[in-house]
Protein backbone atom coordinates (compact mmCIF):
# COMPACT_ATOMS: atom_id res chain seq x y z
CA MET A 1 -13.62 93.99 140.88
CA ASN A 2 -9.85 94.38 140.90
CA ILE A 3 -9.07 97.90 142.13
CA PHE A 4 -5.69 99.62 141.92
CA VAL A 5 -4.92 102.70 144.04
CA LEU A 6 -2.57 105.29 142.50
CA SER A 7 -0.88 108.03 144.52
CA HIS A 8 -0.67 111.54 143.08
CA ARG A 9 2.14 112.28 145.55
CA CYS A 10 4.68 109.76 144.22
CA GLY A 11 3.12 108.39 141.03
CA HIS A 12 3.14 104.77 142.20
CA CYS A 13 0.49 102.11 142.69
CA VAL A 14 0.28 101.93 146.48
CA HIS A 15 -2.33 99.19 146.89
CA HIS A 16 -4.53 96.78 144.97
CA GLN A 17 -7.19 94.32 145.98
CA VAL A 18 -10.38 92.65 144.85
CA VAL A 19 -13.47 94.42 146.20
CA MET A 20 -16.92 92.92 146.01
CA GLY A 21 -19.21 95.88 146.51
CA PRO A 22 -19.63 99.65 146.82
CA ASP A 23 -18.96 99.72 150.58
CA GLU A 24 -15.52 98.18 150.15
CA TYR A 25 -14.88 100.43 147.17
CA GLN A 26 -15.75 103.61 149.07
CA ALA A 27 -13.58 102.60 152.03
CA LEU A 28 -10.50 101.83 149.94
CA LYS A 29 -9.05 105.35 149.76
CA ALA A 30 -9.47 105.91 153.50
CA ARG A 31 -7.67 102.63 154.13
CA CYS A 32 -4.65 103.81 152.13
CA VAL A 33 -4.33 107.30 153.65
CA GLY A 34 -1.23 107.46 155.85
CA GLN A 35 0.07 104.07 154.71
CA PRO A 36 3.57 103.91 153.20
CA CYS A 37 3.93 103.39 149.47
CA PRO A 38 5.40 99.89 148.92
CA VAL A 39 7.78 101.31 146.29
CA CYS A 40 9.14 104.53 147.81
CA GLY A 41 7.67 104.83 151.32
CA ASP A 42 5.84 108.12 150.71
CA ARG A 43 2.55 108.36 152.61
CA PRO A 44 -0.62 109.80 151.04
CA ARG A 45 -1.94 112.51 153.35
CA THR A 46 -5.54 112.80 152.19
CA GLU A 47 -7.97 110.92 149.99
CA GLU A 48 -7.42 113.62 147.33
CA ASP A 49 -3.87 112.27 146.97
CA LEU A 50 -5.30 108.99 145.68
CA GLN A 51 -7.06 107.75 142.56
CA LEU A 52 -8.86 104.43 142.08
CA VAL A 53 -8.43 102.60 138.78
CA ALA A 54 -10.18 99.43 137.63
CA PRO A 55 -9.96 97.37 134.40
CA ARG A 56 -12.70 98.33 131.97
CA GLU A 57 -14.00 94.77 131.71
CA HIS A 58 -14.50 94.66 135.47
CA VAL A 59 -16.40 97.96 135.41
CA ASP A 60 -18.57 96.72 132.55
CA ALA A 61 -19.30 93.45 134.37
CA ALA A 62 -20.35 95.35 137.49
CA ALA A 63 -22.59 97.62 135.42
CA ASP A 64 -24.41 94.83 133.57
CA GLY A 65 -24.61 92.46 136.54
CA SER A 66 -22.57 89.70 134.92
CA GLY A 67 -19.99 89.76 137.73
CA PRO A 68 -20.21 89.16 141.47
CA TRP A 69 -20.29 92.90 142.30
CA GLY A 70 -22.54 93.49 145.30
CA ASN A 71 -22.92 89.79 146.12
CA VAL A 72 -20.59 89.73 149.10
CA LEU A 73 -20.01 86.31 150.61
CA ARG A 74 -20.39 86.25 154.39
CA PRO A 75 -19.15 83.53 156.80
CA THR A 76 -21.66 81.00 158.05
CA ALA A 77 -22.42 80.66 161.75
CA ASP A 78 -19.87 77.84 162.05
CA PHE A 79 -17.09 80.26 161.09
CA ALA A 80 -18.38 83.39 162.79
CA GLY A 81 -15.55 83.53 165.31
CA PHE A 82 -12.79 82.31 163.05
CA GLY A 83 -9.79 84.63 163.03
CA SER A 84 -10.94 86.67 166.03
CA ASP A 85 -8.79 87.61 169.01
CA GLY A 86 -11.37 86.53 171.55
CA PRO A 87 -10.83 84.42 174.68
CA GLY A 88 -8.80 81.29 174.20
CA ARG A 89 -6.97 82.63 171.12
CA GLN A 90 -3.98 84.22 172.87
CA PHE A 91 -0.68 82.42 172.47
CA THR A 92 2.98 83.04 173.20
CA ARG A 93 5.40 83.19 170.26
CA GLY A 94 8.84 81.72 170.92
CA ALA A 95 12.15 83.21 169.77
CA PHE A 96 12.48 80.84 166.82
CA ALA A 97 8.93 81.53 165.66
CA SER A 98 9.48 85.30 165.94
CA SER A 99 12.73 85.08 163.95
CA LEU A 100 11.08 82.99 161.26
CA ARG A 101 8.13 85.39 161.08
CA ASP A 102 10.42 88.40 160.72
CA LYS A 103 12.35 86.70 157.92
CA MET A 104 9.17 85.76 156.09
CA TYR A 105 7.81 89.27 156.58
CA GLY A 106 10.96 90.78 155.07
CA GLN A 107 10.70 88.50 152.05
CA ALA A 108 7.03 89.36 151.64
CA THR A 109 7.83 93.09 151.83
CA SER A 110 10.50 92.76 149.11
CA ALA A 111 8.13 90.76 146.92
CA ARG A 112 5.36 93.33 147.42
CA LYS A 113 7.70 96.17 146.51
CA ALA A 114 8.78 94.39 143.31
CA GLU A 115 5.15 93.65 142.42
CA HIS A 116 4.07 97.27 142.91
CA GLU A 117 7.06 98.55 140.95
CA LEU A 118 5.91 96.46 137.98
CA ILE A 119 2.31 97.62 138.36
CA SER A 120 3.44 101.25 138.68
CA ARG A 121 5.49 101.03 135.48
CA ALA A 122 2.50 99.58 133.64
CA PHE A 123 0.23 102.37 134.80
CA THR A 124 2.87 104.97 133.93
CA THR A 125 2.88 103.70 130.35
CA LEU A 126 -0.91 103.51 130.14
CA LEU A 127 -2.16 106.53 132.08
CA ALA A 128 0.57 108.96 133.16
CA ALA A 129 0.26 111.25 130.11
CA GLN A 130 -3.54 111.34 130.32
CA ILE A 131 -3.56 112.03 134.07
CA GLY A 132 -0.89 114.72 133.68
CA ILE A 133 -2.56 116.55 130.80
CA ASP A 134 -5.95 116.41 132.53
CA ALA A 135 -4.36 117.80 135.71
CA HIS A 136 -2.79 120.68 133.75
CA GLN A 137 -6.12 121.51 132.13
CA HIS A 138 -7.77 121.61 135.56
CA GLY A 139 -5.08 123.89 137.01
CA GLU A 140 -3.49 121.17 139.19
CA HIS A 141 0.01 121.99 138.03
CA ALA A 142 2.11 120.21 140.69
CA LYS A 143 0.14 117.02 140.06
CA ALA A 144 0.57 117.53 136.31
CA VAL A 145 4.34 117.89 136.62
CA LEU A 146 4.64 114.67 138.65
CA TRP A 147 2.75 112.56 136.11
CA LEU A 148 4.14 114.23 132.98
CA GLU A 149 7.71 113.74 134.18
CA ARG A 150 6.89 110.06 134.61
CA ALA A 151 5.21 109.94 131.19
CA ALA A 152 8.02 111.56 129.19
CA PRO A 153 10.48 108.62 129.22
CA VAL A 154 7.84 106.11 128.08
CA ALA A 155 6.18 108.21 125.34
CA LYS A 156 6.48 106.24 122.11
CA THR A 157 6.05 108.62 119.18
CA PRO A 158 7.45 112.11 118.49
CA SER A 159 3.95 113.58 118.81
CA GLU A 160 3.42 111.89 122.19
CA VAL A 161 6.78 113.18 123.43
CA ALA A 162 6.02 116.70 122.15
CA ALA A 163 2.55 116.75 123.74
CA VAL A 164 3.88 115.55 127.10
CA ARG A 165 6.82 117.96 127.13
CA LEU A 166 4.61 120.88 125.99
CA HIS A 167 2.13 120.41 128.83
CA LEU A 168 4.97 119.82 131.29
CA GLY A 169 6.52 123.12 130.23
CA LEU A 170 3.18 124.93 130.54
CA SER A 171 2.65 123.62 134.07
CA LEU A 172 6.20 124.57 135.07
CA ILE A 173 5.53 128.11 133.79
CA GLU A 174 2.49 128.25 136.08
CA LEU A 175 4.67 127.04 138.97
CA ARG A 176 7.18 129.83 138.17
CA GLU A 177 10.04 127.49 137.25
CA PRO A 178 11.24 129.02 133.96
CA GLY A 179 14.52 127.09 133.86
CA ARG A 180 12.81 123.71 133.95
CA ALA A 181 10.06 124.98 131.66
CA GLU A 182 12.67 126.05 129.09
CA ALA A 183 14.15 122.54 129.00
CA ALA A 184 10.75 120.87 128.60
CA LEU A 185 9.57 123.24 125.86
CA ARG A 186 12.89 122.96 124.02
CA ASP A 187 12.52 119.17 123.99
CA ALA A 188 9.02 119.55 122.54
CA THR A 189 10.23 121.80 119.69
CA GLU A 190 13.05 119.37 118.86
CA GLN A 191 10.65 116.51 118.04
CA THR A 192 10.93 117.09 114.29
CA GLY A 193 8.57 114.24 113.41
CA ALA A 194 5.82 115.46 115.73
CA ASP A 195 2.54 117.15 114.89
CA PRO A 196 3.49 120.77 114.11
CA VAL A 197 0.67 122.01 116.35
CA PHE A 198 2.52 120.73 119.42
CA ARG A 199 5.88 122.05 118.21
CA SER A 200 4.47 125.46 117.27
CA ALA A 201 2.66 125.89 120.59
CA ALA A 202 5.86 124.93 122.41
CA ALA A 203 7.97 127.31 120.28
CA ARG A 204 5.70 130.26 121.05
CA GLN A 205 5.95 129.62 124.80
CA LEU A 206 9.66 128.83 124.58
CA GLY A 207 10.26 132.29 123.14
CA ASN A 208 8.45 133.90 126.07
CA VAL A 209 10.40 131.85 128.63
CA ARG A 210 13.75 132.55 127.01
CA LYS A 211 12.98 136.26 126.91
CA GLU A 212 12.16 136.12 130.62
CA LEU A 213 15.49 134.37 131.23
CA GLY A 214 17.37 137.04 129.25
CA ASP A 215 18.23 134.80 126.28
CA LEU A 216 17.11 137.15 123.51
CA ALA A 217 18.87 135.25 120.71
CA GLY A 218 17.19 132.05 121.85
CA ALA A 219 13.84 133.83 122.09
CA ARG A 220 14.21 135.10 118.51
CA ALA A 221 14.94 131.59 117.28
CA ALA A 222 11.92 130.17 119.10
CA PHE A 223 9.50 132.83 117.83
CA GLN A 224 10.84 132.37 114.29
CA LEU A 225 10.26 128.61 114.56
CA ALA A 226 6.65 129.26 115.60
CA ILE A 227 6.26 131.37 112.44
CA ASP A 228 8.01 128.87 110.18
CA LEU A 229 5.89 125.93 111.32
CA GLY A 230 2.89 127.70 109.83
CA ILE A 231 0.15 127.02 112.39
CA PRO A 232 -1.76 130.33 112.12
CA GLU A 233 -2.58 130.91 115.82
CA PHE A 234 0.98 130.36 117.03
CA ALA A 235 2.65 131.88 113.97
CA VAL A 236 0.74 135.12 114.56
CA GLU A 237 1.67 135.25 118.24
CA GLY A 238 5.28 134.44 117.39
CA ALA A 239 5.32 137.29 114.86
CA ILE A 240 3.91 139.82 117.34
CA ASN A 241 6.52 138.94 119.95
CA LEU A 242 9.39 138.69 117.48
CA GLY A 243 8.36 142.12 116.23
CA MET A 244 8.76 143.45 119.76
CA LEU A 245 12.30 142.08 119.95
CA GLU A 246 13.20 143.54 116.57
CA ASP A 247 11.80 146.94 117.54
CA GLU A 248 13.74 146.92 120.80
CA ALA A 249 16.88 146.12 118.81
CA GLY A 250 16.27 149.16 116.58
CA HIS A 251 15.02 147.17 113.56
CA GLN A 252 11.76 149.06 113.11
CA ALA A 253 11.20 148.08 109.46
CA GLU A 254 11.47 144.38 110.35
CA ALA A 255 9.13 144.91 113.29
CA ARG A 256 6.56 146.51 111.00
CA ARG A 257 6.81 143.58 108.53
CA LEU A 258 6.16 141.10 111.34
CA TRP A 259 3.24 143.06 112.76
CA GLU A 260 1.70 143.40 109.29
CA PHE A 261 2.01 139.64 108.86
CA ALA A 262 0.36 139.12 112.24
CA TYR A 263 -2.47 141.52 111.45
CA ASP A 264 -3.17 139.91 108.07
CA LYS A 265 -3.03 136.32 109.39
CA ALA A 266 -4.69 136.83 112.79
CA THR A 267 -7.28 134.16 113.60
CA ASN A 268 -8.87 135.94 116.57
CA ASP A 269 -9.73 139.44 117.72
CA ARG A 270 -7.13 139.42 120.49
CA SER A 271 -4.14 138.84 118.22
CA ARG A 272 -5.45 141.27 115.60
CA ALA A 273 -5.89 143.92 118.30
CA PHE A 274 -2.31 143.58 119.53
CA ALA A 275 -0.96 143.71 115.97
CA ALA A 276 -3.12 146.76 115.09
CA HIS A 277 -2.00 148.66 118.18
CA ASN A 278 1.66 147.99 117.45
CA LEU A 279 1.22 149.10 113.84
CA GLY A 280 -0.48 152.26 115.08
CA TRP A 281 2.51 152.91 117.27
CA TYR A 282 4.95 152.20 114.41
CA TRP A 283 3.29 154.66 112.03
CA GLU A 284 3.01 157.24 114.78
CA GLN A 285 6.75 157.09 115.27
CA ALA A 286 7.29 157.15 111.49
CA GLY A 287 5.26 160.37 111.27
CA ASP A 288 2.36 159.03 109.20
CA LEU A 289 -0.49 160.03 111.50
CA THR A 290 -3.18 159.00 109.03
CA LYS A 291 -2.06 155.36 109.08
CA SER A 292 -1.35 155.56 112.78
CA ARG A 293 -4.86 156.83 113.54
CA ARG A 294 -6.42 154.11 111.36
CA PHE A 295 -4.68 151.26 113.21
CA TYR A 296 -5.31 152.80 116.62
CA GLN A 297 -9.00 153.08 115.75
CA LEU A 298 -9.08 149.41 114.79
CA ALA A 299 -7.41 148.48 118.08
CA ALA A 300 -9.74 150.74 120.07
CA LYS A 301 -12.78 148.90 118.65
CA SER A 302 -11.47 145.50 119.70
CA SER A 303 -12.97 143.34 122.44
CA VAL A 304 -9.64 143.28 124.31
CA PRO A 305 -9.97 145.88 127.11
CA GLU A 306 -6.25 146.42 127.74
CA VAL A 307 -5.55 147.09 124.07
CA ALA A 308 -8.70 149.10 123.43
CA THR A 309 -7.96 151.37 126.40
CA ARG A 310 -4.36 152.01 125.35
CA ALA A 311 -5.35 152.67 121.73
CA ALA A 312 -8.06 155.15 122.84
CA GLN A 313 -5.48 156.96 124.95
CA ARG A 314 -3.12 157.25 121.97
CA LEU A 315 -5.91 158.60 119.77
CA ARG A 316 -6.56 161.37 122.29
CA VAL A 317 -2.98 162.57 122.34
CA LEU A 318 -1.83 162.26 118.74
CA PRO A 319 0.63 163.39 117.46
CA ALA A 320 2.50 162.89 120.74
CA SER A 321 4.62 159.73 120.77
CA SER A 322 5.13 156.94 123.27
CA ARG A 323 7.33 153.87 123.42
CA ARG A 324 4.46 151.81 124.82
CA PHE A 325 3.37 148.79 122.82
CA PHE A 326 1.93 145.36 123.42
CA GLY A 327 3.13 141.83 122.82
CA ARG A 328 1.03 138.73 122.89
CA ARG A 329 1.63 136.51 125.91
CA SER A 330 -0.31 133.61 127.23
């Protein structure tokens, strides 16, 4: 079975060889730990830094017994000592032989680097996006960023680009790198031919990141894009957060319109709870305590503890007012 070893530290193929059985397979990672990558020189530190990949047809052949897997050829007695360093095998290398060996070694090293660069590019095209997205979903965000940054330049369709850049941005948010996250999410939203689900999810998060960075105009534009793309989950969250920005800017009527839209279109209890609480707050400030109490009661019955607690507190103190409200973040 032809096995390729990928490094999650540098994103390159660091080794490949034919292995004939499970013992060789199990030992392969250990063999590569601490060895320099032929492409960039980085050294994997642990076996967790490495991943083994094999062609599907080789795996299938091993599974159904049609290949030589497990049938390791061993030397006969006549060759038992061949290649050993036992007595009688020591020799002295002359200056010319040493020089020739060094030259040949340098050429072999260059050829190996070129070979592994080609293999690494092939695996980047085939697997980088999958490895990166899987890593993000498992909370391995540094690993996700490495592979998704390698995947982005080779993504072929607008949807592939948007998906890669979206997950890259999400991992960068988790790593507390909002500047880099903003760039990745912006790229995802700009893929106009992509699946709107990817663009809408990216727009919602882009609004949050831009708000964190102090770019309120940019945040408004991103939240509005999430609404305009029409994917209910992200449109609702965009409307809740855009309503917050409008309220903070003194545009209370526009904030109410957005929160009413969010409440009516909410696809889950969490979003509906946030929208109901904010509408309760709006009507409290507007002096309509009947409407305010109704929305607070709806929020207080939700399954979202933070919203239910705040709404219950407001119900106990009406008609007193507060500038506390919630926005949807994720």
